[in-house]
Structure formats: C-alpha cells, structure tokens
Amino acid sequence: MVSMIEKLAILILMLWAGTGILSAQDMVPADSIPTDSVFNDSISKQFAMSIDKPIPTKVAKDWTTWKPDPKRALWLALVIPGGGQIYNRKYWKLPLVYGGFVGCLYAMSWNNSQYKDYSQAFLDITDNDPGTASYNKFLHLGVQITDANKKRYTEIFQKRKDKYRRWRDLSFFCLCGVYALSVIDAYVDAELSVFDISKDLSLRVEPTIINTHASNNPFDAASIGLQCSVNF
C-alpha cells in the first residue's frame, strides 16, 4: 500500500518534471487523492506511452548521387586557388581563402612600395648629389639634411629600407602558406567526407584480459589491461 504522503510526493515530482499526469487545474486536496488502483493505472499508462514512442533511427547519407574525389580536389586546388573548396561544396571557406590571398598580396605590394621609396632615399642621401633629394618627403616640416644630422638620417633610411624588404619577403611566404593550406584543406576535406561525425559516435573504456602467450599456465600468460572501443 502506498501511503498518502508518498502519493502526494510522487504526484508533485511528476508534475514538476512535466510528465503530463496532472496539470495545474487538476490539483485536488490531499483527502481526495485517487486510490491505489487508479494511481497505478495512470502510472502504467504513462510508461506504456513512453515505451510505444518510436526510436529515432540514423539516416545514412546517400553517397550514390555525389561523392568528392580527393585527387580531383587536390588538383583543382593546385591549379585554381579555392577550386578545391568549390569542388567540395564548402563555399563558406571561400571568403577565408580569398581573404587570405588578398591580404597577403596587399601587404606585399605596400611593403614593396615602401621599400622602393626608402631605398631611393638612402641612395640620394649617400650619393652627394644636391639634385637628388627624394628623402625630403620623409623629413618633418622645416627639417633639412646637414652634415650634423646626415649620418643619423642615413642610418634611419637604411634600417627602414631593410625592414620593409624583410616584411615584403615575409608577406610572400605568408601568401605561399595560405596557398598550401587551401590545397591541404581541400584534399583532407574530400578524404574525410565519408567520415561519420554524427551523434551516434561513442567511446567506451573497459577492462580486458590481454593474452601474452608467455607460458602454458593461463594465469601467467594473461594480464589485465584497458581497451578502448569506438561505436559508430
């Protein structure tokens, strides 16, 4: 027999959990709680409804219509920047690929122009020709090159020339890196296109007995360890 307090506690817990046995309008005084048979029948019906619900099954992806070829994706990415991503139908990666190319090309062009300007300024300040004075555009208003500050400005122009040349070369290597990453991404994406990444993947670690065949004695020839199993 279920006591009155136990019935009331179970009903409150089920109402709070949203099982649907009682609603806010069905609340009744404690002295009118259903009998044991009615209470048990409602519980049985609730469990029967939960059991009868269909279990969702995993729908396998149909690869008969289209499946990316890793080799074709690789060659397309090598010939056309971003071609591998287009072939794999990963269009959301195109802004990343082309944005990387445009950014590296802009950095390389800007650093190259700065390098040329400071290289010319360095040549003009060291050639002792008054007619070549392209370095004046880098000077502050009212500042002139004299024998007192010529050595300092010569070092400044040389350092900046070397700095922008280094940054230009670094921009070129970054451009090559973006190109290599786009090719690798296209190949790996096509290669792993059939890899299962659904929610059905699970990893289980459990103890196991490892047979080492060290001797004829079964107790000496076996050792205890852990094994990992992946279900998909």
C-alpha atoms as a PDB file:
ATOM      1  CA  MET A   1       0.000   0.000   0.000  1.00  0.00           C
ATOM      2  CA  VAL A   2       1.234   3.468  -0.915  1.00  0.00           C
ATOM      3  CA  SER A   3       0.850   5.958   1.910  1.00  0.00           C
ATOM      4  CA  MET A   4      -0.877   9.289   1.432  1.00  0.00           C
ATOM      5  CA  ILE A   5       2.346  11.282   1.809  1.00  0.00           C
ATOM      6  CA  GLU A   6       4.189   9.107  -0.718  1.00  0.00           C
ATOM      7  CA  LYS A   7       1.388   9.562  -3.260  1.00  0.00           C
ATOM      8  CA  LEU A   8       1.417  13.314  -2.826  1.00  0.00           C
ATOM      9  CA  ALA A   9       5.232  13.486  -3.154  1.00  0.00           C
ATOM     10  CA  ILE A  10       5.227  11.370  -6.338  1.00  0.00           C
ATOM     11  CA  LEU A  11       2.472  13.462  -7.901  1.00  0.00           C
ATOM     12  CA  ILE A  12       4.306  16.721  -7.134  1.00  0.00           C
ATOM     13  CA  LEU A  13       7.562  15.367  -8.611  1.00  0.00           C
ATOM     14  CA  MET A  14       5.825  14.181 -11.771  1.00  0.00           C
ATOM     15  CA  LEU A  15       4.003  17.497 -12.150  1.00  0.00           C
ATOM     16  CA  TRP A  16       7.276  19.405 -11.721  1.00  0.00           C
ATOM     17  CA  ALA A  17       9.076  17.159 -14.246  1.00  0.00           C
ATOM     18  CA  GLY A  18       6.393  17.803 -16.842  1.00  0.00           C
ATOM     19  CA  THR A  19       5.183  14.205 -17.246  1.00  0.00           C
ATOM     20  CA  GLY A  20       1.660  15.373 -18.013  1.00  0.00           C
ATOM     21  CA  ILE A  21      -0.172  13.142 -15.469  1.00  0.00           C
ATOM     22  CA  LEU A  22      -1.537  16.212 -13.682  1.00  0.00           C
ATOM     23  CA  SER A  23      -1.866  19.806 -14.756  1.00  0.00           C
ATOM     24  CA  ALA A  24      -2.257  22.921 -12.672  1.00  0.00           C
ATOM     25  CA  GLN A  25      -6.069  22.665 -12.967  1.00  0.00           C
ATOM     26  CA  ASP A  26      -6.070  19.051 -11.735  1.00  0.00           C
ATOM     27  CA  MET A  27      -4.663  19.850  -8.292  1.00  0.00           C
ATOM     28  CA  VAL A  28      -7.046  18.483  -5.645  1.00  0.00           C
ATOM     29  CA  PRO A  29      -6.947  18.350  -1.863  1.00  0.00           C
ATOM     30  CA  ALA A  30      -4.931  15.622  -0.229  1.00  0.00           C
ATOM     31  CA  ASP A  31      -8.002  13.817   1.089  1.00  0.00           C
ATOM     32  CA  SER A  32      -9.283  13.221  -2.484  1.00  0.00           C
ATOM     33  CA  ILE A  33      -6.130  11.612  -3.938  1.00  0.00           C
ATOM     34  CA  PRO A  34      -7.012   8.642  -6.187  1.00  0.00           C
ATOM     35  CA  THR A  35      -6.916   5.133  -4.820  1.00  0.00           C
ATOM     36  CA  ASP A  36      -4.022   2.736  -5.312  1.00  0.00           C
ATOM     37  CA  SER A  37      -5.564   1.080  -8.366  1.00  0.00           C
ATOM     38  CA  VAL A  38      -6.260   4.367 -10.173  1.00  0.00           C
ATOM     39  CA  PHE A  39      -2.844   5.653  -9.254  1.00  0.00           C
ATOM     40  CA  ASN A  40      -1.118   2.518 -10.519  1.00  0.00           C
ATOM     41  CA  ASP A  41      -3.186   2.522 -13.727  1.00  0.00           C
ATOM     42  CA  SER A  42      -2.151   6.081 -14.541  1.00  0.00           C
ATOM     43  CA  ILE A  43       1.500   5.232 -13.931  1.00  0.00           C
ATOM     44  CA  SER A  44       1.239   2.152 -16.159  1.00  0.00           C
ATOM     45  CA  LYS A  45      -0.377   4.160 -18.957  1.00  0.00           C
ATOM     46  CA  GLN A  46       2.348   6.787 -18.750  1.00  0.00           C
ATOM     47  CA  PHE A  47       5.132   4.208 -19.023  1.00  0.00           C
ATOM     48  CA  ALA A  48       3.307   2.429 -21.849  1.00  0.00           C
ATOM     49  CA  MET A  49       3.097   5.689 -23.799  1.00  0.00           C
ATOM     50  CA  SER A  50       6.819   6.291 -23.340  1.00  0.00           C
ATOM     51  CA  ILE A  51       7.655   2.756 -24.457  1.00  0.00           C
ATOM     52  CA  ASP A  52       5.433   2.941 -27.539  1.00  0.00           C
ATOM     53  CA  LYS A  53       7.222   6.049 -28.857  1.00  0.00           C
ATOM     54  CA  PRO A  54       9.249   5.201 -31.974  1.00  0.00           C
ATOM     55  CA  ILE A  55      13.025   5.263 -31.509  1.00  0.00           C
ATOM     56  CA  PRO A  56      14.659   7.648 -33.995  1.00  0.00           C
ATOM     57  CA  THR A  57      16.897   5.789 -36.388  1.00  0.00           C
ATOM     58  CA  LYS A  58      20.022   7.130 -38.015  1.00  0.00           C
ATOM     59  CA  VAL A  59      19.564   8.038 -41.664  1.00  0.00           C
ATOM     60  CA  ALA A  60      22.635   7.070 -43.642  1.00  0.00           C
ATOM     61  CA  LYS A  61      23.979   9.664 -46.051  1.00  0.00           C
ATOM     62  CA  ASP A  62      23.426   8.767 -49.660  1.00  0.00           C
ATOM     63  CA  TRP A  63      26.778   8.906 -51.470  1.00  0.00           C
ATOM     64  CA  THR A  64      25.430   7.480 -54.723  1.00  0.00           C
ATOM     65  CA  THR A  65      24.459  10.918 -56.029  1.00  0.00           C
ATOM     66  CA  TRP A  66      27.766  12.737 -55.356  1.00  0.00           C
ATOM     67  CA  LYS A  67      30.971  11.920 -53.523  1.00  0.00           C
ATOM     68  CA  PRO A  68      34.090  14.132 -53.667  1.00  0.00           C
ATOM     69  CA  ASP A  69      37.230  12.654 -55.154  1.00  0.00           C
ATOM     70  CA  PRO A  70      40.334  13.586 -53.079  1.00  0.00           C
ATOM     71  CA  LYS A  71      42.673  13.555 -56.087  1.00  0.00           C
ATOM     72  CA  ARG A  72      40.422  15.786 -58.153  1.00  0.00           C
ATOM     73  CA  ALA A  73      40.009  18.179 -55.228  1.00  0.00           C
ATOM     74  CA  LEU A  74      43.801  18.275 -54.845  1.00  0.00           C
ATOM     75  CA  TRP A  75      44.462  19.091 -58.499  1.00  0.00           C
ATOM     76  CA  LEU A  76      41.725  21.706 -58.637  1.00  0.00           C
ATOM     77  CA  ALA A  77      43.146  23.394 -55.538  1.00  0.00           C
ATOM     78  CA  LEU A  78      46.638  23.363 -57.086  1.00  0.00           C
ATOM     79  CA  VAL A  79      45.521  24.857 -60.397  1.00  0.00           C
ATOM     80  CA  ILE A  80      42.821  27.277 -59.191  1.00  0.00           C
ATOM     81  CA  PRO A  81      43.068  28.916 -55.738  1.00  0.00           C
ATOM     82  CA  GLY A  82      39.871  27.963 -53.930  1.00  0.00           C
ATOM     83  CA  GLY A  83      38.907  25.464 -56.641  1.00  0.00           C
ATOM     84  CA  GLY A  84      39.129  22.557 -54.221  1.00  0.00           C
ATOM     85  CA  GLN A  85      36.724  24.236 -51.792  1.00  0.00           C
ATOM     86  CA  ILE A  86      34.289  24.892 -54.639  1.00  0.00           C
ATOM     87  CA  TYR A  87      34.531  21.265 -55.763  1.00  0.00           C
ATOM     88  CA  ASN A  88      33.908  20.036 -52.190  1.00  0.00           C
ATOM     89  CA  ARG A  89      30.897  22.377 -51.989  1.00  0.00           C
ATOM     90  CA  LYS A  90      32.314  24.148 -48.960  1.00  0.00           C
ATOM     91  CA  TYR A  91      31.501  27.631 -50.192  1.00  0.00           C
ATOM     92  CA  TRP A  92      31.726  29.186 -46.729  1.00  0.00           C
ATOM     93  CA  LYS A  93      35.507  28.667 -46.844  1.00  0.00           C
ATOM     94  CA  LEU A  94      35.955  30.806 -49.949  1.00  0.00           C
ATOM     95  CA  PRO A  95      35.965  34.149 -48.056  1.00  0.00           C
ATOM     96  CA  LEU A  96      38.713  32.782 -45.819  1.00  0.00           C
ATOM     97  CA  VAL A  97      40.820  31.583 -48.749  1.00  0.00           C
ATOM     98  CA  TYR A  98      40.420  34.633 -50.942  1.00  0.00           C
ATOM     99  CA  GLY A  99      40.619  36.974 -47.967  1.00  0.00           C
ATOM    100  CA  GLY A 100      43.980  35.457 -47.078  1.00  0.00           C
ATOM    101  CA  PHE A 101      45.223  35.843 -50.658  1.00  0.00           C
ATOM    102  CA  VAL A 102      44.067  39.452 -50.945  1.00  0.00           C
ATOM    103  CA  GLY A 103      45.510  40.387 -47.561  1.00  0.00           C
ATOM    104  CA  CYS A 104      48.911  38.888 -48.348  1.00  0.00           C
ATOM    105  CA  LEU A 105      49.014  40.486 -51.806  1.00  0.00           C
ATOM    106  CA  TYR A 106      48.126  43.895 -50.385  1.00  0.00           C
ATOM    107  CA  ALA A 107      50.772  43.599 -47.652  1.00  0.00           C
ATOM    108  CA  MET A 108      53.363  42.524 -50.189  1.00  0.00           C
ATOM    109  CA  SER A 109      52.538  45.410 -52.542  1.00  0.00           C
ATOM    110  CA  TRP A 110      52.526  48.066 -49.806  1.00  0.00           C
ATOM    111  CA  ASN A 111      55.770  46.881 -48.223  1.00  0.00           C
ATOM    112  CA  ASN A 112      57.407  46.744 -51.653  1.00  0.00           C
ATOM    113  CA  SER A 113      56.419  50.344 -52.408  1.00  0.00           C
ATOM    114  CA  GLN A 114      57.770  51.483 -49.033  1.00  0.00           C
ATOM    115  CA  TYR A 115      60.962  49.553 -49.650  1.00  0.00           C
ATOM    116  CA  LYS A 116      61.471  51.260 -53.029  1.00  0.00           C
ATOM    117  CA  ASP A 117      60.868  54.730 -51.564  1.00  0.00           C
ATOM    118  CA  TYR A 118      63.319  54.274 -48.687  1.00  0.00           C
ATOM    119  CA  SER A 119      65.856  52.612 -50.986  1.00  0.00           C
ATOM    120  CA  GLN A 120      65.781  55.633 -53.271  1.00  0.00           C
ATOM    121  CA  ALA A 121      66.021  57.979 -50.293  1.00  0.00           C
ATOM    122  CA  PHE A 122      69.018  56.041 -48.997  1.00  0.00           C
ATOM    123  CA  LEU A 123      70.722  56.262 -52.412  1.00  0.00           C
ATOM    124  CA  ASP A 124      70.018  60.000 -52.703  1.00  0.00           C
ATOM    125  CA  ILE A 125      71.388  60.824 -49.277  1.00  0.00           C
ATOM    126  CA  THR A 126      74.595  58.892 -49.900  1.00  0.00           C
ATOM    127  CA  ASP A 127      75.421  59.995 -53.459  1.00  0.00           C
ATOM    128  CA  ASN A 128      76.422  63.602 -52.519  1.00  0.00           C
ATOM    129  CA  ASP A 129      74.357  64.968 -55.403  1.00  0.00           C
ATOM    130  CA  PRO A 130      72.247  68.007 -54.389  1.00  0.00           C
ATOM    131  CA  GLY A 131      69.911  67.413 -57.331  1.00  0.00           C
ATOM    132  CA  THR A 132      68.663  64.088 -55.959  1.00  0.00           C
ATOM    133  CA  ALA A 133      66.744  64.787 -52.788  1.00  0.00           C
ATOM    134  CA  SER A 134      63.813  62.358 -52.687  1.00  0.00           C
ATOM    135  CA  TYR A 135      64.460  61.918 -48.970  1.00  0.00           C
ATOM    136  CA  ASN A 136      62.913  65.338 -48.258  1.00  0.00           C
ATOM    137  CA  LYS A 137      59.392  63.863 -48.332  1.00  0.00           C
ATOM    138  CA  PHE A 138      60.264  61.782 -45.276  1.00  0.00           C
ATOM    139  CA  LEU A 139      61.506  64.754 -43.264  1.00  0.00           C
ATOM    140  CA  HIS A 140      59.381  66.788 -40.870  1.00  0.00           C
ATOM    141  CA  LEU A 141      58.360  70.296 -41.848  1.00  0.00           C
ATOM    142  CA  GLY A 142      61.322  72.673 -41.621  1.00  0.00           C
ATOM    143  CA  VAL A 143      63.961  69.956 -41.143  1.00  0.00           C
ATOM    144  CA  GLN A 144      66.915  69.877 -43.528  1.00  0.00           C
ATOM    145  CA  ILE A 145      69.776  67.463 -44.035  1.00  0.00           C
ATOM    146  CA  THR A 146      73.065  68.891 -42.809  1.00  0.00           C
ATOM    147  CA  ASP A 147      76.469  67.473 -42.046  1.00  0.00           C
ATOM    148  CA  ALA A 148      75.438  67.244 -38.371  1.00  0.00           C
ATOM    149  CA  ASN A 149      72.394  65.005 -38.922  1.00  0.00           C
ATOM    150  CA  LYS A 150      73.247  63.320 -42.208  1.00  0.00           C
ATOM    151  CA  LYS A 151      74.744  60.238 -40.589  1.00  0.00           C
ATOM    152  CA  ARG A 152      71.695  59.747 -38.343  1.00  0.00           C
ATOM    153  CA  TYR A 153      69.226  60.019 -41.231  1.00  0.00           C
ATOM    154  CA  THR A 154      71.367  57.729 -43.349  1.00  0.00           C
ATOM    155  CA  GLU A 155      71.090  55.031 -40.676  1.00  0.00           C
ATOM    156  CA  ILE A 156      67.344  55.637 -40.351  1.00  0.00           C
ATOM    157  CA  PHE A 157      66.742  55.222 -44.103  1.00  0.00           C
ATOM    158  CA  GLN A 158      68.899  52.120 -44.218  1.00  0.00           C
ATOM    159  CA  LYS A 159      67.067  50.488 -41.294  1.00  0.00           C
ATOM    160  CA  ARG A 160      63.656  51.258 -42.745  1.00  0.00           C
ATOM    161  CA  LYS A 161      64.734  50.025 -46.168  1.00  0.00           C
ATOM    162  CA  ASP A 162      65.842  46.716 -44.669  1.00  0.00           C
ATOM    163  CA  LYS A 163      62.716  46.496 -42.516  1.00  0.00           C
ATOM    164  CA  TYR A 164      60.270  46.908 -45.394  1.00  0.00           C
ATOM    165  CA  ARG A 165      62.246  44.492 -47.551  1.00  0.00           C
ATOM    166  CA  ARG A 166      62.013  41.905 -44.765  1.00  0.00           C
ATOM    167  CA  TRP A 167      58.280  42.495 -44.370  1.00  0.00           C
ATOM    168  CA  ARG A 168      57.780  42.210 -48.142  1.00  0.00           C
ATOM    169  CA  ASP A 169      59.548  38.848 -48.194  1.00  0.00           C
ATOM    170  CA  LEU A 170      57.546  37.714 -45.160  1.00  0.00           C
ATOM    171  CA  SER A 171      54.303  38.656 -46.936  1.00  0.00           C
ATOM    172  CA  PHE A 172      55.326  36.489 -49.877  1.00  0.00           C
ATOM    173  CA  PHE A 173      55.936  33.488 -47.607  1.00  0.00           C
ATOM    174  CA  CYS A 174      52.576  34.091 -45.929  1.00  0.00           C
ATOM    175  CA  LEU A 175      50.965  34.039 -49.385  1.00  0.00           C
ATOM    176  CA  CYS A 176      52.615  30.686 -50.098  1.00  0.00           C
ATOM    177  CA  GLY A 177      51.399  29.432 -46.717  1.00  0.00           C
ATOM    178  CA  VAL A 178      47.787  30.409 -47.455  1.00  0.00           C
ATOM    179  CA  TYR A 179      48.022  28.652 -50.819  1.00  0.00           C
ATOM    180  CA  ALA A 180      49.444  25.492 -49.211  1.00  0.00           C
ATOM    181  CA  LEU A 181      46.757  25.493 -46.510  1.00  0.00           C
ATOM    182  CA  SER A 182      43.998  25.824 -49.108  1.00  0.00           C
ATOM    183  CA  VAL A 183      45.379  22.814 -51.003  1.00  0.00           C
ATOM    184  CA  ILE A 184      45.744  20.704 -47.856  1.00  0.00           C
ATOM    185  CA  ASP A 185      42.275  21.671 -46.655  1.00  0.00           C
ATOM    186  CA  ALA A 186      40.689  20.699 -49.977  1.00  0.00           C
ATOM    187  CA  TYR A 187      42.379  17.284 -50.011  1.00  0.00           C
ATOM    188  CA  VAL A 188      41.689  16.457 -46.353  1.00  0.00           C
ATOM    189  CA  ASP A 189      38.104  17.665 -46.590  1.00  0.00           C
ATOM    190  CA  ALA A 190      37.438  15.410 -49.571  1.00  0.00           C
ATOM    191  CA  GLU A 191      39.244  12.483 -47.927  1.00  0.00           C
ATOM    192  CA  LEU A 192      37.215  12.760 -44.704  1.00  0.00           C
ATOM    193  CA  SER A 193      33.891  13.496 -46.391  1.00  0.00           C
ATOM    194  CA  VAL A 194      32.646   9.962 -45.651  1.00  0.00           C
ATOM    195  CA  PHE A 195      33.819  10.022 -42.048  1.00  0.00           C
ATOM    196  CA  ASP A 196      30.953   9.649 -39.581  1.00  0.00           C
ATOM    197  CA  ILE A 197      30.623  12.672 -37.289  1.00  0.00           C
ATOM    198  CA  SER A 198      27.055  12.060 -36.120  1.00  0.00           C
ATOM    199  CA  LYS A 199      25.863  11.934 -32.519  1.00  0.00           C
ATOM    200  CA  ASP A 200      25.954   8.130 -32.617  1.00  0.00           C
ATOM    201  CA  LEU A 201      29.711   8.145 -32.080  1.00  0.00           C
ATOM    202  CA  SER A 202      30.684   6.867 -28.651  1.00  0.00           C
ATOM    203  CA  LEU A 203      33.906   5.900 -26.895  1.00  0.00           C
ATOM    204  CA  ARG A 204      33.953   3.230 -24.198  1.00  0.00           C
ATOM    205  CA  VAL A 205      36.861   2.267 -21.981  1.00  0.00           C
ATOM    206  CA  GLU A 206      36.564  -1.077 -20.199  1.00  0.00           C
ATOM    207  CA  PRO A 207      38.883  -3.616 -18.572  1.00  0.00           C
ATOM    208  CA  THR A 208      40.089  -6.565 -20.611  1.00  0.00           C
ATOM    209  CA  ILE A 209      42.367  -9.596 -20.334  1.00  0.00           C
ATOM    210  CA  ILE A 210      45.379  -9.475 -22.649  1.00  0.00           C
ATOM    211  CA  ASN A 211      46.761 -12.856 -23.698  1.00  0.00           C
ATOM    212  CA  THR A 212      50.569 -12.627 -23.882  1.00  0.00           C
ATOM    213  CA  HIS A 213      51.283 -16.359 -24.520  1.00  0.00           C
ATOM    214  CA  ALA A 214      54.262 -16.116 -22.175  1.00  0.00           C
ATOM    215  CA  SER A 215      53.789 -19.621 -20.770  1.00  0.00           C
ATOM    216  CA  ASN A 216      51.436 -22.567 -20.791  1.00  0.00           C
ATOM    217  CA  ASN A 217      49.985 -21.515 -17.461  1.00  0.00           C
ATOM    218  CA  PRO A 218      46.814 -19.492 -18.230  1.00  0.00           C
ATOM    219  CA  PHE A 219      47.333 -17.345 -15.111  1.00  0.00           C
ATOM    220  CA  ASP A 220      50.877 -16.355 -16.176  1.00  0.00           C
ATOM    221  CA  ALA A 221      50.040 -15.960 -19.870  1.00  0.00           C
ATOM    222  CA  ALA A 222      47.379 -13.301 -19.313  1.00  0.00           C
ATOM    223  CA  SER A 223      47.483  -9.786 -17.958  1.00  0.00           C
ATOM    224  CA  ILE A 224      44.793  -7.254 -17.127  1.00  0.00           C
ATOM    225  CA  GLY A 225      44.561  -4.001 -19.056  1.00  0.00           C
ATOM    226  CA  LEU A 226      42.189  -1.441 -20.565  1.00  0.00           C
ATOM    227  CA  GLN A 227      40.689  -1.425 -24.037  1.00  0.00           C
ATOM    228  CA  CYS A 228      39.005   1.416 -25.919  1.00  0.00           C
ATOM    229  CA  SER A 229      36.155   0.763 -28.318  1.00  0.00           C
ATOM    230  CA  VAL A 230      34.544   3.270 -30.663  1.00  0.00           C
ATOM    231  CA  ASN A 231      30.989   2.694 -31.824  1.00  0.00           C
ATOM    232  CA  PHE A 232      29.584   4.476 -34.892  1.00  0.00           C
END
